[in-house]
Amino acid sequence: MMGTRNTSLDLNNHLFEQLERLNDEGLTSEELEVEIERSRALTDVSKQIIENSKVALDAQKLKAEYTGQVTIPNMIEASSNE
Protein backbone atom coordinates (compact mmCIF):
# COMPACT_ATOMS: atom_id res chain seq x y z
CA MET A 1 0.00 0.00 0.00
CA MET A 2 2.95 2.33 0.01
CA GLY A 3 2.49 5.23 -2.32
CA THR A 4 -1.28 5.24 -2.02
CA ARG A 5 -3.15 8.18 -0.66
CA ASN A 6 -5.66 7.25 2.03
CA THR A 7 -8.57 9.47 3.00
CA SER A 8 -11.36 9.39 5.56
CA LEU A 9 -13.54 7.89 2.82
CA ASP A 10 -11.10 4.98 2.54
CA LEU A 11 -11.24 4.48 6.29
CA ASN A 12 -15.02 4.50 6.19
CA ASN A 13 -14.98 1.87 3.44
CA HIS A 14 -12.62 -0.35 5.45
CA LEU A 15 -14.86 -0.12 8.49
CA PHE A 16 -17.95 -1.09 6.51
CA GLU A 17 -16.06 -3.97 4.86
CA GLN A 18 -15.14 -5.26 8.31
CA LEU A 19 -18.75 -4.94 9.43
CA GLU A 20 -19.80 -7.06 6.45
CA ARG A 21 -17.24 -9.73 7.39
CA LEU A 22 -18.53 -9.79 10.95
CA ASN A 23 -22.08 -10.20 9.65
CA ASP A 24 -21.17 -13.26 7.54
CA GLU A 25 -23.43 -15.99 8.94
CA GLY A 26 -21.28 -18.67 7.30
CA LEU A 27 -18.32 -18.06 9.62
CA THR A 28 -17.29 -20.80 11.98
CA SER A 29 -16.78 -19.92 15.64
CA GLU A 30 -13.03 -19.81 15.07
CA GLU A 31 -13.35 -17.60 11.98
CA LEU A 32 -15.70 -15.27 13.85
CA GLU A 33 -13.15 -14.97 16.68
CA VAL A 34 -10.48 -14.02 14.13
CA GLU A 35 -12.78 -11.37 12.64
CA ILE A 36 -13.61 -10.02 16.09
CA GLU A 37 -9.90 -9.62 16.86
CA ARG A 38 -9.35 -8.01 13.45
CA SER A 39 -12.23 -5.63 14.21
CA ARG A 40 -10.70 -4.66 17.53
CA ALA A 41 -7.38 -3.89 15.88
CA LEU A 42 -9.07 -1.97 13.06
CA THR A 43 -11.08 0.03 15.59
CA ASP A 44 -7.96 0.92 17.58
CA VAL A 45 -6.09 2.08 14.49
CA SER A 46 -9.17 3.92 13.20
CA LYS A 47 -9.52 5.87 16.44
CA GLN A 48 -5.90 7.04 16.13
CA ILE A 49 -6.37 8.02 12.48
CA ILE A 50 -9.50 9.99 13.37
CA GLU A 51 -7.68 11.73 16.23
CA ASN A 52 -4.79 12.63 13.91
CA SER A 53 -7.26 13.99 11.36
CA LYS A 54 -8.90 16.12 14.06
CA VAL A 55 -5.53 17.59 15.02
CA ALA A 56 -4.71 18.35 11.37
CA LEU A 57 -8.12 19.94 10.84
CA ASP A 58 -7.81 22.03 14.01
CA ALA A 59 -4.41 23.26 12.81
CA GLN A 60 -5.91 24.26 9.44
CA LYS A 61 -8.79 26.04 11.19
CA LEU A 62 -6.29 28.01 13.25
CA LYS A 63 -4.28 28.85 10.14
CA ALA A 64 -7.46 29.99 8.34
CA GLU A 65 -8.48 32.13 11.30
CA TYR A 66 -5.17 34.00 11.38
CA THR A 67 -4.12 34.02 7.73
CA GLY A 68 -7.34 33.63 5.78
CA GLN A 69 -5.87 30.64 3.90
CA VAL A 70 -8.41 27.81 3.83
CA THR A 71 -7.21 24.31 2.98
CA ILE A 72 -8.41 20.85 3.88
CA PRO A 73 -5.80 18.34 5.08
CA ASN A 74 -5.11 15.66 2.46
CA MET A 75 -6.06 12.86 4.84
CA ILE A 76 -9.57 14.29 5.14
CA GLU A 77 -10.54 15.26 1.63
CA ALA A 78 -11.82 12.68 -0.86
CA SER A 79 -9.43 11.62 -3.60
CA SER A 80 -9.63 13.50 -6.88
CA ASN A 81 -10.59 10.46 -8.93
CA GLU A 82 -14.03 10.06 -7.36
PDB file of N, CA and C in Angstrom:
ATOM      1  N   MET A   1       0.802  -1.200   0.000  1.00  0.00           N
ATOM      2  CA  MET A   1       0.000   0.000   0.000  1.00  0.00           C
ATOM      3  C   MET A   1       0.847   1.268   0.000  1.00  0.00           C
ATOM      4  N   MET A   2       2.136   1.135   0.007  1.00  0.00           N
ATOM      5  CA  MET A   2       2.953   2.332   0.008  1.00  0.00           C
ATOM      6  C   MET A   2       2.711   3.099  -1.276  1.00  0.00           C
ATOM      7  N   GLY A   3       2.692   4.402  -1.159  1.00  0.00           N
ATOM      8  CA  GLY A   3       2.489   5.225  -2.316  1.00  0.00           C
ATOM      9  C   GLY A   3       1.033   5.569  -2.568  1.00  0.00           C
ATOM     10  N   THR A   4       0.131   4.921  -1.851  1.00  0.00           N
ATOM     11  CA  THR A   4      -1.279   5.243  -2.025  1.00  0.00           C
ATOM     12  C   THR A   4      -1.656   6.377  -1.097  1.00  0.00           C
ATOM     13  N   ARG A   5      -2.687   7.077  -1.470  1.00  0.00           N
ATOM     14  CA  ARG A   5      -3.153   8.182  -0.656  1.00  0.00           C
ATOM     15  C   ARG A   5      -4.467   7.764   0.000  1.00  0.00           C
ATOM     16  N   ASN A   6      -4.476   7.660   1.303  1.00  0.00           N
ATOM     17  CA  ASN A   6      -5.661   7.245   2.032  1.00  0.00           C
ATOM     18  C   ASN A   6      -6.406   8.465   2.554  1.00  0.00           C
ATOM     19  N   THR A   7      -7.726   8.379   2.536  1.00  0.00           N
ATOM     20  CA  THR A   7      -8.568   9.468   3.005  1.00  0.00           C
ATOM     21  C   THR A   7      -9.556   8.922   4.030  1.00  0.00           C
ATOM     22  N   SER A   8     -10.330   9.819   4.614  1.00  0.00           N
ATOM     23  CA  SER A   8     -11.358   9.388   5.555  1.00  0.00           C
ATOM     24  C   SER A   8     -12.397   8.520   4.863  1.00  0.00           C
ATOM     25  N   LEU A   9     -12.610   8.731   3.576  1.00  0.00           N
ATOM     26  CA  LEU A   9     -13.542   7.888   2.820  1.00  0.00           C
ATOM     27  C   LEU A   9     -13.010   6.457   2.745  1.00  0.00           C
ATOM     28  N   ASP A  10     -11.708   6.310   2.549  1.00  0.00           N
ATOM     29  CA  ASP A  10     -11.100   4.977   2.539  1.00  0.00           C
ATOM     30  C   ASP A  10     -11.281   4.292   3.890  1.00  0.00           C
ATOM     31  N   LEU A  11     -11.068   5.029   4.950  1.00  0.00           N
ATOM     32  CA  LEU A  11     -11.239   4.483   6.294  1.00  0.00           C
ATOM     33  C   LEU A  11     -12.679   4.029   6.489  1.00  0.00           C
ATOM     34  N   ASN A  12     -13.610   4.846   6.081  1.00  0.00           N
ATOM     35  CA  ASN A  12     -15.018   4.503   6.193  1.00  0.00           C
ATOM     36  C   ASN A  12     -15.321   3.211   5.429  1.00  0.00           C
ATOM     37  N   ASN A  13     -14.769   3.087   4.235  1.00  0.00           N
ATOM     38  CA  ASN A  13     -14.980   1.873   3.440  1.00  0.00           C
ATOM     39  C   ASN A  13     -14.408   0.643   4.135  1.00  0.00           C
ATOM     40  N   HIS A  14     -13.223   0.772   4.722  1.00  0.00           N
ATOM     41  CA  HIS A  14     -12.619  -0.353   5.446  1.00  0.00           C
ATOM     42  C   HIS A  14     -13.485  -0.771   6.632  1.00  0.00           C
ATOM     43  N   LEU A  15     -14.012   0.195   7.340  1.00  0.00           N
ATOM     44  CA  LEU A  15     -14.860  -0.118   8.492  1.00  0.00           C
ATOM     45  C   LEU A  15     -16.131  -0.851   8.068  1.00  0.00           C
ATOM     46  N   PHE A  16     -16.748  -0.407   6.989  1.00  0.00           N
ATOM     47  CA  PHE A  16     -17.949  -1.091   6.512  1.00  0.00           C
ATOM     48  C   PHE A  16     -17.628  -2.487   5.961  1.00  0.00           C
ATOM     49  N   GLU A  17     -16.472  -2.648   5.323  1.00  0.00           N
ATOM     50  CA  GLU A  17     -16.065  -3.973   4.861  1.00  0.00           C
ATOM     51  C   GLU A  17     -15.902  -4.924   6.043  1.00  0.00           C
ATOM     52  N   GLN A  18     -15.316  -4.424   7.128  1.00  0.00           N
ATOM     53  CA  GLN A  18     -15.144  -5.258   8.311  1.00  0.00           C
ATOM     54  C   GLN A  18     -16.489  -5.609   8.919  1.00  0.00           C
ATOM     55  N   LEU A  19     -17.403  -4.676   8.926  1.00  0.00           N
ATOM     56  CA  LEU A  19     -18.747  -4.941   9.430  1.00  0.00           C
ATOM     57  C   LEU A  19     -19.424  -6.049   8.620  1.00  0.00           C
ATOM     58  N   GLU A  20     -19.234  -6.014   7.311  1.00  0.00           N
ATOM     59  CA  GLU A  20     -19.801  -7.062   6.454  1.00  0.00           C
ATOM     60  C   GLU A  20     -19.189  -8.422   6.779  1.00  0.00           C
ATOM     61  N   ARG A  21     -17.876  -8.459   7.031  1.00  0.00           N
ATOM     62  CA  ARG A  21     -17.238  -9.730   7.387  1.00  0.00           C
ATOM     63  C   ARG A  21     -17.774 -10.252   8.712  1.00  0.00           C
ATOM     64  N   LEU A  22     -17.991  -9.360   9.655  1.00  0.00           N
ATOM     65  CA  LEU A  22     -18.533  -9.785  10.947  1.00  0.00           C
ATOM     66  C   LEU A  22     -19.961 -10.314  10.817  1.00  0.00           C
ATOM     67  N   ASN A  23     -20.678  -9.814   9.843  1.00  0.00           N
ATOM     68  CA  ASN A  23     -22.079 -10.196   9.648  1.00  0.00           C
ATOM     69  C   ASN A  23     -22.235 -11.459   8.807  1.00  0.00           C
ATOM     70  N   ASP A  24     -21.132 -12.057   8.363  1.00  0.00           N
ATOM     71  CA  ASP A  24     -21.172 -13.264   7.545  1.00  0.00           C
ATOM     72  C   ASP A  24     -21.644 -14.441   8.397  1.00  0.00           C
ATOM     73  N   GLU A  25     -22.851 -14.909   8.141  1.00  0.00           N
ATOM     74  CA  GLU A  25     -23.431 -15.993   8.936  1.00  0.00           C
ATOM     75  C   GLU A  25     -22.774 -17.337   8.670  1.00  0.00           C
ATOM     76  N   GLY A  26     -21.958 -17.419   7.630  1.00  0.00           N
ATOM     77  CA  GLY A  26     -21.281 -18.671   7.301  1.00  0.00           C
ATOM     78  C   GLY A  26     -19.979 -18.881   8.052  1.00  0.00           C
ATOM     79  N   LEU A  27     -19.578 -17.929   8.881  1.00  0.00           N
ATOM     80  CA  LEU A  27     -18.323 -18.056   9.621  1.00  0.00           C
ATOM     81  C   LEU A  27     -18.430 -19.107  10.709  1.00  0.00           C
ATOM     82  N   THR A  28     -17.371 -19.881  10.852  1.00  0.00           N
ATOM     83  CA  THR A  28     -17.292 -20.800  11.984  1.00  0.00           C
ATOM     84  C   THR A  28     -16.997 -19.986  13.243  1.00  0.00           C
ATOM     85  N   SER A  29     -17.095 -20.603  14.375  1.00  0.00           N
ATOM     86  CA  SER A  29     -16.780 -19.918  15.639  1.00  0.00           C
ATOM     87  C   SER A  29     -15.354 -19.398  15.634  1.00  0.00           C
ATOM     88  N   GLU A  30     -14.425 -20.203  15.119  1.00  0.00           N
ATOM     89  CA  GLU A  30     -13.029 -19.806  15.075  1.00  0.00           C
ATOM     90  C   GLU A  30     -12.829 -18.633  14.117  1.00  0.00           C
ATOM     91  N   GLU A  31     -13.460 -18.688  12.948  1.00  0.00           N
ATOM     92  CA  GLU A  31     -13.349 -17.597  11.985  1.00  0.00           C
ATOM     93  C   GLU A  31     -13.956 -16.306  12.533  1.00  0.00           C
ATOM     94  N   LEU A  32     -15.067 -16.445  13.243  1.00  0.00           N
ATOM     95  CA  LEU A  32     -15.704 -15.274  13.847  1.00  0.00           C
ATOM     96  C   LEU A  32     -14.777 -14.653  14.891  1.00  0.00           C
ATOM     97  N   GLU A  33     -14.103 -15.479  15.676  1.00  0.00           N
ATOM     98  CA  GLU A  33     -13.152 -14.971  16.675  1.00  0.00           C
ATOM     99  C   GLU A  33     -12.041 -14.191  16.008  1.00  0.00           C
ATOM    100  N   VAL A  34     -11.528 -14.705  14.884  1.00  0.00           N
ATOM    101  CA  VAL A  34     -10.478 -14.016  14.134  1.00  0.00           C
ATOM    102  C   VAL A  34     -10.997 -12.662  13.654  1.00  0.00           C
ATOM    103  N   GLU A  35     -12.208 -12.627  13.123  1.00  0.00           N
ATOM    104  CA  GLU A  35     -12.783 -11.365  12.637  1.00  0.00           C
ATOM    105  C   GLU A  35     -13.037 -10.380  13.776  1.00  0.00           C
ATOM    106  N   ILE A  36     -13.417 -10.889  14.925  1.00  0.00           N
ATOM    107  CA  ILE A  36     -13.615 -10.020  16.088  1.00  0.00           C
ATOM    108  C   ILE A  36     -12.297  -9.385  16.497  1.00  0.00           C
ATOM    109  N   GLU A  37     -11.221 -10.166  16.524  1.00  0.00           N
ATOM    110  CA  GLU A  37      -9.903  -9.623  16.856  1.00  0.00           C
ATOM    111  C   GLU A  37      -9.448  -8.618  15.806  1.00  0.00           C
ATOM    112  N   ARG A  38      -9.701  -8.935  14.540  1.00  0.00           N
ATOM    113  CA  ARG A  38      -9.354  -8.014  13.453  1.00  0.00           C
ATOM    114  C   ARG A  38     -10.131  -6.701  13.627  1.00  0.00           C
ATOM    115  N   SER A  39     -11.393  -6.818  14.002  1.00  0.00           N
ATOM    116  CA  SER A  39     -12.225  -5.625  14.213  1.00  0.00           C
ATOM    117  C   SER A  39     -11.696  -4.769  15.356  1.00  0.00           C
ATOM    118  N   ARG A  40     -11.269  -5.410  16.405  1.00  0.00           N
ATOM    119  CA  ARG A  40     -10.703  -4.657  17.534  1.00  0.00           C
ATOM    120  C   ARG A  40      -9.462  -3.891  17.106  1.00  0.00           C
ATOM    121  N   ALA A  41      -8.599  -4.557  16.357  1.00  0.00           N
ATOM    122  CA  ALA A  41      -7.383  -3.893  15.878  1.00  0.00           C
ATOM    123  C   ALA A  41      -7.728  -2.758  14.923  1.00  0.00           C
ATOM    124  N   LEU A  42      -8.657  -2.994  14.015  1.00  0.00           N
ATOM    125  CA  LEU A  42      -9.070  -1.972  13.061  1.00  0.00           C
ATOM    126  C   LEU A  42      -9.683  -0.775  13.779  1.00  0.00           C
ATOM    127  N   THR A  43     -10.471  -1.047  14.801  1.00  0.00           N
ATOM    128  CA  THR A  43     -11.082   0.030  15.587  1.00  0.00           C
ATOM    129  C   THR A  43     -10.020   0.860  16.299  1.00  0.00           C
ATOM    130  N   ASP A  44      -9.032   0.197  16.888  1.00  0.00           N
ATOM    131  CA  ASP A  44      -7.964   0.923  17.583  1.00  0.00           C
ATOM    132  C   ASP A  44      -7.191   1.830  16.627  1.00  0.00           C
ATOM    133  N   VAL A  45      -6.836   1.287  15.481  1.00  0.00           N
ATOM    134  CA  VAL A  45      -6.094   2.084  14.494  1.00  0.00           C
ATOM    135  C   VAL A  45      -6.970   3.211  13.965  1.00  0.00           C
ATOM    136  N   SER A  46      -8.234   2.910  13.712  1.00  0.00           N
ATOM    137  CA  SER A  46      -9.170   3.922  13.200  1.00  0.00           C
ATOM    138  C   SER A  46      -9.313   5.090  14.158  1.00  0.00           C
ATOM    139  N   LYS A  47      -9.402   4.799  15.436  1.00  0.00           N
ATOM    140  CA  LYS A  47      -9.515   5.868  16.439  1.00  0.00           C
ATOM    141  C   LYS A  47      -8.298   6.794  16.373  1.00  0.00           C
ATOM    142  N   GLN A  48      -7.122   6.224  16.212  1.00  0.00           N
ATOM    143  CA  GLN A  48      -5.904   7.041  16.131  1.00  0.00           C
ATOM    144  C   GLN A  48      -5.886   7.872  14.857  1.00  0.00           C
ATOM    145  N   ILE A  49      -6.308   7.281  13.743  1.00  0.00           N
ATOM    146  CA  ILE A  49      -6.375   8.018  12.477  1.00  0.00           C
ATOM    147  C   ILE A  49      -7.345   9.185  12.600  1.00  0.00           C
ATOM    148  N   ILE A  50      -8.493   8.934  13.202  1.00  0.00           N
ATOM    149  CA  ILE A  50      -9.496   9.988  13.375  1.00  0.00           C
ATOM    150  C   ILE A  50      -8.950  11.092  14.271  1.00  0.00           C
ATOM    151  N   GLU A  51      -8.269  10.731  15.337  1.00  0.00           N
ATOM    152  CA  GLU A  51      -7.682  11.727  16.230  1.00  0.00           C
ATOM    153  C   GLU A  51      -6.629  12.560  15.495  1.00  0.00           C
ATOM    154  N   ASN A  52      -5.794  11.903  14.695  1.00  0.00           N
ATOM    155  CA  ASN A  52      -4.791  12.626  13.908  1.00  0.00           C
ATOM    156  C   ASN A  52      -5.453  13.578  12.925  1.00  0.00           C
ATOM    157  N   SER A  53      -6.533  13.133  12.302  1.00  0.00           N
ATOM    158  CA  SER A  53      -7.262  13.989  11.362  1.00  0.00           C
ATOM    159  C   SER A  53      -7.852  15.201  12.070  1.00  0.00           C
ATOM    160  N   LYS A  54      -8.361  14.994  13.285  1.00  0.00           N
ATOM    161  CA  LYS A  54      -8.904  16.116  14.059  1.00  0.00           C
ATOM    162  C   LYS A  54      -7.816  17.147  14.365  1.00  0.00           C
ATOM    163  N   VAL A  55      -6.646  16.681  14.721  1.00  0.00           N
ATOM    164  CA  VAL A  55      -5.531  17.590  15.016  1.00  0.00           C
ATOM    165  C   VAL A  55      -5.155  18.378  13.755  1.00  0.00           C
ATOM    166  N   ALA A  56      -5.058  17.678  12.627  1.00  0.00           N
ATOM    167  CA  ALA A  56      -4.710  18.355  11.370  1.00  0.00           C
ATOM    168  C   ALA A  56      -5.781  19.376  10.987  1.00  0.00           C
ATOM    169  N   LEU A  57      -7.041  19.022  11.164  1.00  0.00           N
ATOM    170  CA  LEU A  57      -8.125  19.942  10.836  1.00  0.00           C
ATOM    171  C   LEU A  57      -8.118  21.145  11.772  1.00  0.00           C
ATOM    172  N   ASP A  58      -7.895  20.908  13.056  1.00  0.00           N
ATOM    173  CA  ASP A  58      -7.811  22.027  14.014  1.00  0.00           C
ATOM    174  C   ASP A  58      -6.671  22.973  13.640  1.00  0.00           C
ATOM    175  N   ALA A  59      -5.541  22.418  13.211  1.00  0.00           N
ATOM    176  CA  ALA A  59      -4.413  23.259  12.806  1.00  0.00           C
ATOM    177  C   ALA A  59      -4.789  24.100  11.583  1.00  0.00           C
ATOM    178  N   GLN A  60      -5.493  23.513  10.633  1.00  0.00           N
ATOM    179  CA  GLN A  60      -5.906  24.256   9.444  1.00  0.00           C
ATOM    180  C   GLN A  60      -6.931  25.334   9.793  1.00  0.00           C
ATOM    181  N   LYS A  61      -7.814  25.034  10.743  1.00  0.00           N
ATOM    182  CA  LYS A  61      -8.785  26.041  11.193  1.00  0.00           C
ATOM    183  C   LYS A  61      -8.065  27.229  11.815  1.00  0.00           C
ATOM    184  N   LEU A  62      -7.065  26.953  12.620  1.00  0.00           N
ATOM    185  CA  LEU A  62      -6.292  28.014  13.255  1.00  0.00           C
ATOM    186  C   LEU A  62      -5.561  28.836  12.202  1.00  0.00           C
ATOM    187  N   LYS A  63      -4.976  28.159  11.225  1.00  0.00           N
ATOM    188  CA  LYS A  63      -4.282  28.848  10.139  1.00  0.00           C
ATOM    189  C   LYS A  63      -5.264  29.739   9.370  1.00  0.00           C
ATOM    190  N   ALA A  64      -6.450  29.215   9.081  1.00  0.00           N
ATOM    191  CA  ALA A  64      -7.455  29.988   8.340  1.00  0.00           C
ATOM    192  C   ALA A  64      -7.913  31.203   9.140  1.00  0.00           C
ATOM    193  N   GLU A  65      -8.039  31.030  10.441  1.00  0.00           N
ATOM    194  CA  GLU A  65      -8.483  32.127  11.302  1.00  0.00           C
ATOM    195  C   GLU A  65      -7.486  33.281  11.296  1.00  0.00           C
ATOM    196  N   TYR A  66      -6.190  32.962  11.277  1.00  0.00           N
ATOM    197  CA  TYR A  66      -5.175  34.003  11.383  1.00  0.00           C
ATOM    198  C   TYR A  66      -4.587  34.463  10.051  1.00  0.00           C
ATOM    199  N   THR A  67      -4.706  33.627   9.010  1.00  0.00           N
ATOM    200  CA  THR A  67      -4.119  34.019   7.732  1.00  0.00           C
ATOM    201  C   THR A  67      -5.142  34.156   6.612  1.00  0.00           C
ATOM    202  N   GLY A  68      -6.321  33.600   6.820  1.00  0.00           N
ATOM    203  CA  GLY A  68      -7.342  33.627   5.775  1.00  0.00           C
ATOM    204  C   GLY A  68      -7.160  32.543   4.734  1.00  0.00           C
ATOM    205  N   GLN A  69      -6.117  31.731   4.852  1.00  0.00           N
ATOM    206  CA  GLN A  69      -5.875  30.637   3.898  1.00  0.00           C
ATOM    207  C   GLN A  69      -6.659  29.404   4.341  1.00  0.00           C
ATOM    208  N   VAL A  70      -7.577  28.965   3.500  1.00  0.00           N
ATOM    209  CA  VAL A  70      -8.414  27.812   3.830  1.00  0.00           C
ATOM    210  C   VAL A  70      -7.984  26.615   2.993  1.00  0.00           C
ATOM    211  N   THR A  71      -7.546  25.566   3.652  1.00  0.00           N
ATOM    212  CA  THR A  71      -7.207  24.309   2.984  1.00  0.00           C
ATOM    213  C   THR A  71      -7.725  23.159   3.827  1.00  0.00           C
ATOM    214  N   ILE A  72      -7.962  22.052   3.177  1.00  0.00           N
ATOM    215  CA  ILE A  72      -8.408  20.849   3.878  1.00  0.00           C
ATOM    216  C   ILE A  72      -7.235  19.872   3.883  1.00  0.00           C
ATOM    217  N   PRO A  73      -6.898  19.303   5.035  1.00  0.00           N
ATOM    218  CA  PRO A  73      -5.798  18.342   5.082  1.00  0.00           C
ATOM    219  C   PRO A  73      -6.040  17.183   4.114  1.00  0.00           C
ATOM    220  N   ASN A  74      -4.988  16.731   3.446  1.00  0.00           N
ATOM    221  CA  ASN A  74      -5.107  15.664   2.460  1.00  0.00           C
ATOM    222  C   ASN A  74      -5.778  14.412   3.020  1.00  0.00           C
ATOM    223  N   MET A  75      -5.508  14.088   4.266  1.00  0.00           N
ATOM    224  CA  MET A  75      -6.063  12.861   4.841  1.00  0.00           C
ATOM    225  C   MET A  75      -7.571  12.931   4.995  1.00  0.00           C
ATOM    226  N   ILE A  76      -8.143  14.123   4.932  1.00  0.00           N
ATOM    227  CA  ILE A  76      -9.575  14.290   5.143  1.00  0.00           C
ATOM    228  C   ILE A  76     -10.339  14.353   3.836  1.00  0.00           C
ATOM    229  N   GLU A  77      -9.796  15.062   2.869  1.00  0.00           N
ATOM    230  CA  GLU A  77     -10.539  15.259   1.627  1.00  0.00           C
ATOM    231  C   GLU A  77     -10.604  13.974   0.800  1.00  0.00           C
ATOM    232  N   ALA A  78     -11.660  13.857   0.005  1.00  0.00           N
ATOM    233  CA  ALA A  78     -11.821  12.684  -0.864  1.00  0.00           C
ATOM    234  C   ALA A  78     -10.793  12.773  -1.989  1.00  0.00           C
ATOM    235  N   SER A  79     -10.411  11.614  -2.515  1.00  0.00           N
ATOM    236  CA  SER A  79      -9.434  11.617  -3.605  1.00  0.00           C
ATOM    237  C   SER A  79     -10.038  12.240  -4.843  1.00  0.00           C
ATOM    238  N   SER A  80      -9.183  12.755  -5.706  1.00  0.00           N
ATOM    239  CA  SER A  80      -9.627  13.505  -6.876  1.00  0.00           C
ATOM    240  C   SER A  80     -10.220  12.626  -7.961  1.00  0.00           C
ATOM    241  N   ASN A  81     -10.065  11.321  -7.872  1.00  0.00           N
ATOM    242  CA  ASN A  81     -10.591  10.464  -8.925  1.00  0.00           C
ATOM    243  C   ASN A  81     -11.951   9.882  -8.590  1.00  0.00           C
ATOM    244  N   GLU A  82     -12.701  10.541  -7.711  1.00  0.00           N
ATOM    245  CA  GLU A  82     -14.033  10.057  -7.363  1.00  0.00           C
ATOM    246  C   GLU A  82     -15.087  10.933  -7.961  1.00  0.00           C
TER     247      GLU A  82
END
